């Protein structure tokens, strides 16, 4: 798919997806959703991609919904085709780590999309918020599920029910962002994390760990133990389990052989 509302770059195992409507502060369009979803599927399928960074071109990450249609911005949609998810798949379904480099304002759907990522880095003096209740709408993009996972029910309620905007520093204090940095340091920091994963972590191990991590809050300790054990059996004795140890002992960069595309396990279930 040719991209217009996003830009795609791949270098040294790291895919950088940049929301690319800078003249509109990267406000979210239908085309952007289609293109970002396509890029996510590409990142999931391509074993050359080890980690993903999502950022924005210009001075914003994503300033929310495109409201250029004025009073028709939130006009009724076809009930059979409309989804408040805005795009599929969500970031947590991609079997590669996704880091949101929120280089500027992330408002509304711009912020809820970032909440789906595995790691978030925020810009210190820029604004973030799920503001939909202040626009006569309600939060979207799975925010009722992602935000309580990150900050608990009370703080999630405060942010979702007030629609207030917070600065990057407060995002870091809440634990929503791993770091809050000056805007020009956000993307380099995200790339550094992504490159570290791409260079040093087994792609299959990372993909399995990510999937189980996102599942874990809905599982009992016994269910987690069952999945961890089954997935250990999938990895133990394999070439990456050997290579990881030998690379550490020999003080060299590992050369991984397994991938999520070719070696993904049958996912354990509680019925087994």
C-alpha atoms as a PDB file:
ATOM      1  CA  UNK A   1       0.000   0.000   0.000  1.00  0.00           C
ATOM      2  CA  UNK A   2       1.385   3.442  -0.870  1.00  0.00           C
ATOM      3  CA  UNK A   3       1.281   5.693   2.187  1.00  0.00           C
ATOM      4  CA  UNK A   4       0.279   9.348   2.238  1.00  0.00           C
ATOM      5  CA  UNK A   5      -0.906  10.114   5.790  1.00  0.00           C
ATOM      6  CA  UNK A   6       1.911   8.134   7.374  1.00  0.00           C
ATOM      7  CA  UNK A   7       5.576   7.633   6.474  1.00  0.00           C
ATOM      8  CA  UNK A   8       7.333   4.272   6.783  1.00  0.00           C
ATOM      9  CA  UNK A   9      11.056   3.754   7.272  1.00  0.00           C
ATOM     10  CA  UNK A  10      12.998   0.584   8.052  1.00  0.00           C
ATOM     11  CA  UNK A  11      16.596   0.654   9.226  1.00  0.00           C
ATOM     12  CA  UNK A  12      18.636  -1.977  11.066  1.00  0.00           C
ATOM     13  CA  UNK A  13      15.622  -3.949  12.247  1.00  0.00           C
ATOM     14  CA  UNK A  14      13.611  -0.946  13.460  1.00  0.00           C
ATOM     15  CA  UNK A  15      10.518   0.301  11.607  1.00  0.00           C
ATOM     16  CA  UNK A  16       9.625   3.944  12.182  1.00  0.00           C
ATOM     17  CA  UNK A  17       6.012   4.861  11.449  1.00  0.00           C
ATOM     18  CA  UNK A  18       5.461   8.610  11.369  1.00  0.00           C
ATOM     19  CA  UNK A  19       1.998  10.166  11.344  1.00  0.00           C
ATOM     20  CA  UNK A  20       2.405  12.529   8.419  1.00  0.00           C
ATOM     21  CA  UNK A  21      -0.127  15.359   8.324  1.00  0.00           C
ATOM     22  CA  UNK A  22       2.055  18.038   9.947  1.00  0.00           C
ATOM     23  CA  UNK A  23       0.080  20.921   8.465  1.00  0.00           C
ATOM     24  CA  UNK A  24      -2.907  19.607  10.472  1.00  0.00           C
ATOM     25  CA  UNK A  25      -0.899  18.621  13.575  1.00  0.00           C
ATOM     26  CA  UNK A  26      -1.265  15.016  12.397  1.00  0.00           C
ATOM     27  CA  UNK A  27      -4.971  14.918  13.176  1.00  0.00           C
ATOM     28  CA  UNK A  28      -6.394  11.455  12.625  1.00  0.00           C
ATOM     29  CA  UNK A  29      -8.087  10.777   9.300  1.00  0.00           C
ATOM     30  CA  UNK A  30      -9.766   7.687   7.953  1.00  0.00           C
ATOM     31  CA  UNK A  31      -6.910   7.289   5.507  1.00  0.00           C
ATOM     32  CA  UNK A  32      -4.385   7.521   8.332  1.00  0.00           C
ATOM     33  CA  UNK A  33      -6.191   4.715  10.149  1.00  0.00           C
ATOM     34  CA  UNK A  34      -6.183   2.471   7.081  1.00  0.00           C
ATOM     35  CA  UNK A  35      -2.502   3.151   6.414  1.00  0.00           C
ATOM     36  CA  UNK A  36      -1.395   2.711  10.030  1.00  0.00           C
ATOM     37  CA  UNK A  37      -3.305  -0.582  10.258  1.00  0.00           C
ATOM     38  CA  UNK A  38      -1.620  -1.771   7.065  1.00  0.00           C
ATOM     39  CA  UNK A  39       1.792  -0.774   8.452  1.00  0.00           C
ATOM     40  CA  UNK A  40       1.081  -2.659  11.695  1.00  0.00           C
ATOM     41  CA  UNK A  41       0.217  -5.800   9.734  1.00  0.00           C
ATOM     42  CA  UNK A  42       3.392  -5.369   7.707  1.00  0.00           C
ATOM     43  CA  UNK A  43       5.468  -5.017  10.877  1.00  0.00           C
ATOM     44  CA  UNK A  44       3.878  -8.139  12.354  1.00  0.00           C
ATOM     45  CA  UNK A  45       4.529 -10.238   9.245  1.00  0.00           C
ATOM     46  CA  UNK A  46       8.025  -9.067   8.300  1.00  0.00           C
ATOM     47  CA  UNK A  47      10.681 -10.933  10.273  1.00  0.00           C
ATOM     48  CA  UNK A  48      13.256  -8.306   9.283  1.00  0.00           C
ATOM     49  CA  UNK A  49      11.416  -5.938  11.633  1.00  0.00           C
ATOM     50  CA  UNK A  50      12.381  -6.468  15.271  1.00  0.00           C
ATOM     51  CA  UNK A  51      10.865  -3.359  16.887  1.00  0.00           C
ATOM     52  CA  UNK A  52       8.601  -0.470  15.902  1.00  0.00           C
ATOM     53  CA  UNK A  53       8.550   3.232  16.776  1.00  0.00           C
ATOM     54  CA  UNK A  54       5.446   5.349  16.144  1.00  0.00           C
ATOM     55  CA  UNK A  55       5.933   9.111  16.111  1.00  0.00           C
ATOM     56  CA  UNK A  56       4.618  12.266  14.456  1.00  0.00           C
ATOM     57  CA  UNK A  57       6.057  14.541  11.786  1.00  0.00           C
ATOM     58  CA  UNK A  58       6.399  18.141  12.915  1.00  0.00           C
ATOM     59  CA  UNK A  59       5.482  19.551  16.312  1.00  0.00           C
ATOM     60  CA  UNK A  60       2.643  17.175  17.270  1.00  0.00           C
ATOM     61  CA  UNK A  61       2.219  13.441  17.711  1.00  0.00           C
ATOM     62  CA  UNK A  62      -1.503  13.487  16.876  1.00  0.00           C
ATOM     63  CA  UNK A  63      -3.810  16.328  17.860  1.00  0.00           C
ATOM     64  CA  UNK A  64      -6.922  14.132  17.783  1.00  0.00           C
ATOM     65  CA  UNK A  65      -9.736  13.663  15.315  1.00  0.00           C
ATOM     66  CA  UNK A  66      -9.804  15.695  12.123  1.00  0.00           C
ATOM     67  CA  UNK A  67     -12.612  18.160  12.875  1.00  0.00           C
ATOM     68  CA  UNK A  68     -12.454  20.028   9.585  1.00  0.00           C
ATOM     69  CA  UNK A  69     -15.995  18.798   8.856  1.00  0.00           C
ATOM     70  CA  UNK A  70     -17.290  20.985  11.673  1.00  0.00           C
ATOM     71  CA  UNK A  71     -20.708  19.934  12.947  1.00  0.00           C
ATOM     72  CA  UNK A  72     -20.498  16.753  10.867  1.00  0.00           C
ATOM     73  CA  UNK A  73     -17.268  15.571  12.480  1.00  0.00           C
ATOM     74  CA  UNK A  74     -19.134  13.026  14.587  1.00  0.00           C
ATOM     75  CA  UNK A  75     -22.073  12.447  12.256  1.00  0.00           C
ATOM     76  CA  UNK A  76     -23.845   9.064  12.475  1.00  0.00           C
ATOM     77  CA  UNK A  77     -21.944   6.191  10.878  1.00  0.00           C
ATOM     78  CA  UNK A  78     -23.069   2.942   9.329  1.00  0.00           C
ATOM     79  CA  UNK A  79     -23.823   0.596  12.221  1.00  0.00           C
ATOM     80  CA  UNK A  80     -22.622  -2.484  10.352  1.00  0.00           C
ATOM     81  CA  UNK A  81     -19.172  -1.131   9.506  1.00  0.00           C
ATOM     82  CA  UNK A  82     -18.297   1.466  12.159  1.00  0.00           C
ATOM     83  CA  UNK A  83     -16.003   0.523  15.046  1.00  0.00           C
ATOM     84  CA  UNK A  84     -14.846   2.796  17.843  1.00  0.00           C
ATOM     85  CA  UNK A  85     -11.509   0.990  17.593  1.00  0.00           C
ATOM     86  CA  UNK A  86     -10.799   3.291  14.615  1.00  0.00           C
ATOM     87  CA  UNK A  87      -8.355   0.754  13.164  1.00  0.00           C
ATOM     88  CA  UNK A  88      -7.391  -2.905  13.410  1.00  0.00           C
ATOM     89  CA  UNK A  89      -5.192  -4.472  14.574  1.00  0.00           C
ATOM     90  CA  UNK A  90      -4.419  -2.598  17.794  1.00  0.00           C
ATOM     91  CA  UNK A  91      -0.758  -2.182  18.628  1.00  0.00           C
ATOM     92  CA  UNK A  92      -0.767  -4.900  21.293  1.00  0.00           C
ATOM     93  CA  UNK A  93      -1.624  -7.557  18.688  1.00  0.00           C
ATOM     94  CA  UNK A  94       1.551  -6.847  16.712  1.00  0.00           C
ATOM     95  CA  UNK A  95       4.163  -9.411  17.759  1.00  0.00           C
ATOM     96  CA  UNK A  96       6.940  -6.826  17.844  1.00  0.00           C
ATOM     97  CA  UNK A  97       7.419  -4.199  20.588  1.00  0.00           C
ATOM     98  CA  UNK A  98       5.841  -0.858  19.653  1.00  0.00           C
ATOM     99  CA  UNK A  99       7.156   2.318  21.248  1.00  0.00           C
ATOM    100  CA  UNK A 100       5.138   5.534  21.040  1.00  0.00           C
ATOM    101  CA  UNK A 101       7.525   8.467  20.664  1.00  0.00           C
ATOM    102  CA  UNK A 102       5.019  11.187  21.537  1.00  0.00           C
ATOM    103  CA  UNK A 103       7.125  14.079  20.285  1.00  0.00           C
ATOM    104  CA  UNK A 104       4.309  16.583  20.796  1.00  0.00           C
ATOM    105  CA  UNK A 105       0.639  16.900  21.692  1.00  0.00           C
ATOM    106  CA  UNK A 106      -1.337  13.626  21.721  1.00  0.00           C
ATOM    107  CA  UNK A 107      -5.031  14.369  22.170  1.00  0.00           C
ATOM    108  CA  UNK A 108      -8.159  12.239  21.899  1.00  0.00           C
ATOM    109  CA  UNK A 109      -7.674   9.365  19.515  1.00  0.00           C
ATOM    110  CA  UNK A 110      -4.029  10.379  19.173  1.00  0.00           C
ATOM    111  CA  UNK A 111      -3.561   9.559  22.834  1.00  0.00           C
ATOM    112  CA  UNK A 112      -5.740   6.443  22.888  1.00  0.00           C
ATOM    113  CA  UNK A 113      -3.682   4.988  20.033  1.00  0.00           C
ATOM    114  CA  UNK A 114      -0.513   5.647  22.030  1.00  0.00           C
ATOM    115  CA  UNK A 115      -2.053   3.859  25.029  1.00  0.00           C
ATOM    116  CA  UNK A 116      -2.174   0.686  22.923  1.00  0.00           C
ATOM    117  CA  UNK A 117       1.614   0.698  22.538  1.00  0.00           C
ATOM    118  CA  UNK A 118       3.984  -1.208  24.806  1.00  0.00           C
ATOM    119  CA  UNK A 119       6.148   1.752  25.841  1.00  0.00           C
ATOM    120  CA  UNK A 120       5.464   5.495  25.713  1.00  0.00           C
ATOM    121  CA  UNK A 121       7.866   8.424  25.827  1.00  0.00           C
ATOM    122  CA  UNK A 122       6.358  11.877  26.212  1.00  0.00           C
ATOM    123  CA  UNK A 123       7.495  15.432  25.532  1.00  0.00           C
ATOM    124  CA  UNK A 124       7.793  17.395  28.768  1.00  0.00           C
ATOM    125  CA  UNK A 125       5.822  20.542  27.971  1.00  0.00           C
ATOM    126  CA  UNK A 126       3.270  19.139  25.562  1.00  0.00           C
ATOM    127  CA  UNK A 127      -0.324  18.177  26.293  1.00  0.00           C
ATOM    128  CA  UNK A 128      -1.929  14.740  26.447  1.00  0.00           C
ATOM    129  CA  UNK A 129      -5.467  13.702  27.172  1.00  0.00           C
ATOM    130  CA  UNK A 130      -8.546  11.662  26.350  1.00  0.00           C
ATOM    131  CA  UNK A 131     -10.768  14.691  25.760  1.00  0.00           C
ATOM    132  CA  UNK A 132     -13.737  13.098  24.019  1.00  0.00           C
ATOM    133  CA  UNK A 133     -16.260  13.830  26.786  1.00  0.00           C
ATOM    134  CA  UNK A 134     -15.523  17.525  26.189  1.00  0.00           C
ATOM    135  CA  UNK A 135     -16.517  17.091  22.552  1.00  0.00           C
ATOM    136  CA  UNK A 136     -19.869  15.449  23.248  1.00  0.00           C
ATOM    137  CA  UNK A 137     -18.483  11.989  22.548  1.00  0.00           C
ATOM    138  CA  UNK A 138     -16.785   9.280  24.613  1.00  0.00           C
ATOM    139  CA  UNK A 139     -13.322   7.659  24.730  1.00  0.00           C
ATOM    140  CA  UNK A 140     -12.391   5.292  21.926  1.00  0.00           C
ATOM    141  CA  UNK A 141      -9.555   3.061  20.784  1.00  0.00           C
ATOM    142  CA  UNK A 142      -9.979   0.630  23.720  1.00  0.00           C
ATOM    143  CA  UNK A 143      -9.165   3.398  26.245  1.00  0.00           C
ATOM    144  CA  UNK A 144     -11.588   1.916  28.800  1.00  0.00           C
ATOM    145  CA  UNK A 145      -9.356  -1.179  28.783  1.00  0.00           C
ATOM    146  CA  UNK A 146      -5.838   0.164  28.255  1.00  0.00           C
ATOM    147  CA  UNK A 147      -5.850   3.111  30.659  1.00  0.00           C
ATOM    148  CA  UNK A 148      -7.050   1.251  33.801  1.00  0.00           C
ATOM    149  CA  UNK A 149      -4.321  -1.338  33.131  1.00  0.00           C
ATOM    150  CA  UNK A 150      -1.723   1.427  33.284  1.00  0.00           C
ATOM    151  CA  UNK A 151      -2.925   3.610  36.151  1.00  0.00           C
ATOM    152  CA  UNK A 152      -5.769   1.809  37.939  1.00  0.00           C
ATOM    153  CA  UNK A 153      -9.471   2.596  38.057  1.00  0.00           C
ATOM    154  CA  UNK A 154      -9.351   5.825  40.072  1.00  0.00           C
ATOM    155  CA  UNK A 155      -6.832   7.679  37.938  1.00  0.00           C
ATOM    156  CA  UNK A 156      -8.340   6.279  34.744  1.00  0.00           C
ATOM    157  CA  UNK A 157     -11.724   7.604  35.857  1.00  0.00           C
ATOM    158  CA  UNK A 158     -10.227  11.011  36.548  1.00  0.00           C
ATOM    159  CA  UNK A 159      -8.725  11.261  33.084  1.00  0.00           C
ATOM    160  CA  UNK A 160     -11.608   9.719  31.139  1.00  0.00           C
ATOM    161  CA  UNK A 161     -14.477  11.424  32.964  1.00  0.00           C
ATOM    162  CA  UNK A 162     -12.975  14.914  33.130  1.00  0.00           C
ATOM    163  CA  UNK A 163     -11.324  14.884  29.724  1.00  0.00           C
ATOM    164  CA  UNK A 164      -8.603  17.086  31.171  1.00  0.00           C
ATOM    165  CA  UNK A 165      -5.237  17.437  29.501  1.00  0.00           C
ATOM    166  CA  UNK A 166      -1.969  16.821  31.321  1.00  0.00           C
ATOM    167  CA  UNK A 167       1.643  17.612  30.534  1.00  0.00           C
ATOM    168  CA  UNK A 168       4.283  15.023  29.795  1.00  0.00           C
ATOM    169  CA  UNK A 169       5.798  15.352  33.251  1.00  0.00           C
ATOM    170  CA  UNK A 170       2.519  14.236  34.839  1.00  0.00           C
ATOM    171  CA  UNK A 171       2.264  11.308  32.417  1.00  0.00           C
ATOM    172  CA  UNK A 172       5.622  10.114  33.702  1.00  0.00           C
ATOM    173  CA  UNK A 173       4.551  10.505  37.340  1.00  0.00           C
ATOM    174  CA  UNK A 174       1.398   8.486  36.633  1.00  0.00           C
ATOM    175  CA  UNK A 175       3.391   5.738  34.947  1.00  0.00           C
ATOM    176  CA  UNK A 176       1.684   6.206  31.578  1.00  0.00           C
ATOM    177  CA  UNK A 177       4.960   7.369  30.051  1.00  0.00           C
ATOM    178  CA  UNK A 178       8.241   5.658  30.823  1.00  0.00           C
ATOM    179  CA  UNK A 179      10.036   8.961  30.401  1.00  0.00           C
ATOM    180  CA  UNK A 180       9.233  12.624  29.814  1.00  0.00           C
ATOM    181  CA  UNK A 181      11.928  14.421  27.847  1.00  0.00           C
ATOM    182  CA  UNK A 182      12.446  17.633  25.870  1.00  0.00           C
ATOM    183  CA  UNK A 183      10.633  17.243  22.527  1.00  0.00           C
ATOM    184  CA  UNK A 184      13.776  16.889  20.429  1.00  0.00           C
ATOM    185  CA  UNK A 185      14.991  14.024  22.652  1.00  0.00           C
ATOM    186  CA  UNK A 186      11.814  11.912  22.460  1.00  0.00           C
ATOM    187  CA  UNK A 187      12.375  10.189  19.114  1.00  0.00           C
ATOM    188  CA  UNK A 188      16.093   9.487  19.704  1.00  0.00           C
ATOM    189  CA  UNK A 189      15.244   7.919  23.076  1.00  0.00           C
ATOM    190  CA  UNK A 190      12.551   5.737  21.521  1.00  0.00           C
ATOM    191  CA  UNK A 191      14.880   4.657  18.739  1.00  0.00           C
ATOM    192  CA  UNK A 192      17.561   3.799  21.273  1.00  0.00           C
ATOM    193  CA  UNK A 193      15.164   1.454  23.075  1.00  0.00           C
ATOM    194  CA  UNK A 194      13.978  -0.075  19.792  1.00  0.00           C
ATOM    195  CA  UNK A 195      17.538  -0.598  18.558  1.00  0.00           C
ATOM    196  CA  UNK A 196      18.547  -2.198  21.849  1.00  0.00           C
ATOM    197  CA  UNK A 197      15.684  -4.697  21.476  1.00  0.00           C
ATOM    198  CA  UNK A 198      16.465  -5.288  17.799  1.00  0.00           C
ATOM    199  CA  UNK A 199      20.145  -5.945  18.467  1.00  0.00           C
ATOM    200  CA  UNK A 200      20.081  -7.924  21.699  1.00  0.00           C
ATOM    201  CA  UNK A 201      16.716  -9.641  22.318  1.00  0.00           C
ATOM    202  CA  UNK A 202      15.455 -12.829  20.688  1.00  0.00           C
ATOM    203  CA  UNK A 203      12.560 -11.865  18.382  1.00  0.00           C
ATOM    204  CA  UNK A 204      10.541 -14.968  19.261  1.00  0.00           C
ATOM    205  CA  UNK A 205      11.146 -14.565  22.990  1.00  0.00           C
ATOM    206  CA  UNK A 206      10.092 -10.914  22.814  1.00  0.00           C
ATOM    207  CA  UNK A 207       6.960 -11.677  20.794  1.00  0.00           C
ATOM    208  CA  UNK A 208       5.846 -14.434  23.160  1.00  0.00           C
ATOM    209  CA  UNK A 209       6.563 -12.298  26.217  1.00  0.00           C
ATOM    210  CA  UNK A 210       4.619  -9.353  24.791  1.00  0.00           C
ATOM    211  CA  UNK A 211       1.529 -11.434  24.038  1.00  0.00           C
ATOM    212  CA  UNK A 212       1.470 -13.038  27.478  1.00  0.00           C
ATOM    213  CA  UNK A 213       2.092  -9.701  29.181  1.00  0.00           C
ATOM    214  CA  UNK A 214      -0.960  -8.162  27.529  1.00  0.00           C
ATOM    215  CA  UNK A 215      -3.065 -11.220  28.430  1.00  0.00           C
ATOM    216  CA  UNK A 216      -1.907 -11.417  32.019  1.00  0.00           C
ATOM    217  CA  UNK A 217      -4.343  -9.020  33.713  1.00  0.00           C
ATOM    218  CA  UNK A 218      -7.279 -11.232  32.686  1.00  0.00           C
ATOM    219  CA  UNK A 219      -5.597 -14.413  33.929  1.00  0.00           C
ATOM    220  CA  UNK A 220      -5.224 -16.025  37.337  1.00  0.00           C
ATOM    221  CA  UNK A 221      -1.740 -16.801  38.681  1.00  0.00           C
ATOM    222  CA  UNK A 222      -2.398 -20.452  37.873  1.00  0.00           C
ATOM    223  CA  UNK A 223      -3.307 -19.620  34.275  1.00  0.00           C
ATOM    224  CA  UNK A 224      -0.170 -17.514  33.892  1.00  0.00           C
ATOM    225  CA  UNK A 225       1.953 -20.345  35.276  1.00  0.00           C
ATOM    226  CA  UNK A 226       0.330 -22.777  32.842  1.00  0.00           C
ATOM    227  CA  UNK A 227       1.099 -20.532  29.868  1.00  0.00           C
ATOM    228  CA  UNK A 228       4.624 -19.718  31.050  1.00  0.00           C
ATOM    229  CA  UNK A 229       5.389 -23.395  31.455  1.00  0.00           C
ATOM    230  CA  UNK A 230       4.000 -24.412  28.063  1.00  0.00           C
ATOM    231  CA  UNK A 231       5.851 -21.581  26.342  1.00  0.00           C
ATOM    232  CA  UNK A 232       9.088 -22.420  28.140  1.00  0.00           C
ATOM    233  CA  UNK A 233       8.848 -25.898  26.612  1.00  0.00           C
ATOM    234  CA  UNK A 234       8.524 -24.276  23.184  1.00  0.00           C
ATOM    235  CA  UNK A 235      11.748 -22.291  23.695  1.00  0.00           C
ATOM    236  CA  UNK A 236      13.911 -24.590  25.826  1.00  0.00           C
ATOM    237  CA  UNK A 237      16.571 -26.491  23.933  1.00  0.00           C
ATOM    238  CA  UNK A 238      16.002 -24.408  20.831  1.00  0.00           C
ATOM    239  CA  UNK A 239      18.696 -22.599  18.882  1.00  0.00           C
ATOM    240  CA  UNK A 240      17.985 -19.209  20.445  1.00  0.00           C
ATOM    241  CA  UNK A 241      18.131 -20.616  23.981  1.00  0.00           C
ATOM    242  CA  UNK A 242      21.585 -21.950  23.126  1.00  0.00           C
ATOM    243  CA  UNK A 243      22.705 -18.834  21.243  1.00  0.00           C
ATOM    244  CA  UNK A 244      21.613 -16.454  23.990  1.00  0.00           C
ATOM    245  CA  UNK A 245      23.766 -18.201  26.569  1.00  0.00           C
ATOM    246  CA  UNK A 246      26.783 -18.595  24.298  1.00  0.00           C
ATOM    247  CA  UNK A 247      26.672 -14.967  23.126  1.00  0.00           C
ATOM    248  CA  UNK A 248      26.655 -13.867  26.763  1.00  0.00           C
ATOM    249  CA  UNK A 249      29.533 -16.204  27.705  1.00  0.00           C
ATOM    250  CA  UNK A 250      31.566 -15.194  24.654  1.00  0.00           C
ATOM    251  CA  UNK A 251      30.741 -11.481  25.120  1.00  0.00           C
ATOM    252  CA  UNK A 252      29.416 -10.970  21.597  1.00  0.00           C
ATOM    253  CA  UNK A 253      26.224  -9.846  19.910  1.00  0.00           C
ATOM    254  CA  UNK A 254      23.786 -12.757  19.474  1.00  0.00           C
ATOM    255  CA  UNK A 255      22.766 -14.103  16.091  1.00  0.00           C
ATOM    256  CA  UNK A 256      19.168 -15.226  16.469  1.00  0.00           C
ATOM    257  CA  UNK A 257      17.656 -17.942  14.284  1.00  0.00           C
ATOM    258  CA  UNK A 258      14.001 -18.109  15.379  1.00  0.00           C
ATOM    259  CA  UNK A 259      11.299 -15.686  14.296  1.00  0.00           C
ATOM    260  CA  UNK A 260       7.655 -14.985  15.047  1.00  0.00           C
ATOM    261  CA  UNK A 261       6.761 -15.648  11.424  1.00  0.00           C
ATOM    262  CA  UNK A 262       8.275 -19.135  11.203  1.00  0.00           C
ATOM    263  CA  UNK A 263       8.402 -20.409  14.781  1.00  0.00           C
ATOM    264  CA  UNK A 264       5.304 -19.064  16.537  1.00  0.00           C
ATOM    265  CA  UNK A 265       3.904 -21.597  19.028  1.00  0.00           C
ATOM    266  CA  UNK A 266       0.424 -23.008  19.268  1.00  0.00           C
ATOM    267  CA  UNK A 267      -0.848 -20.695  21.982  1.00  0.00           C
ATOM    268  CA  UNK A 268      -1.665 -22.530  25.241  1.00  0.00           C
ATOM    269  CA  UNK A 269      -5.219 -22.448  26.537  1.00  0.00           C
ATOM    270  CA  UNK A 270      -6.779 -23.394  29.850  1.00  0.00           C
ATOM    271  CA  UNK A 271      -8.509 -26.411  28.315  1.00  0.00           C
ATOM    272  CA  UNK A 272      -5.203 -28.220  27.750  1.00  0.00           C
END
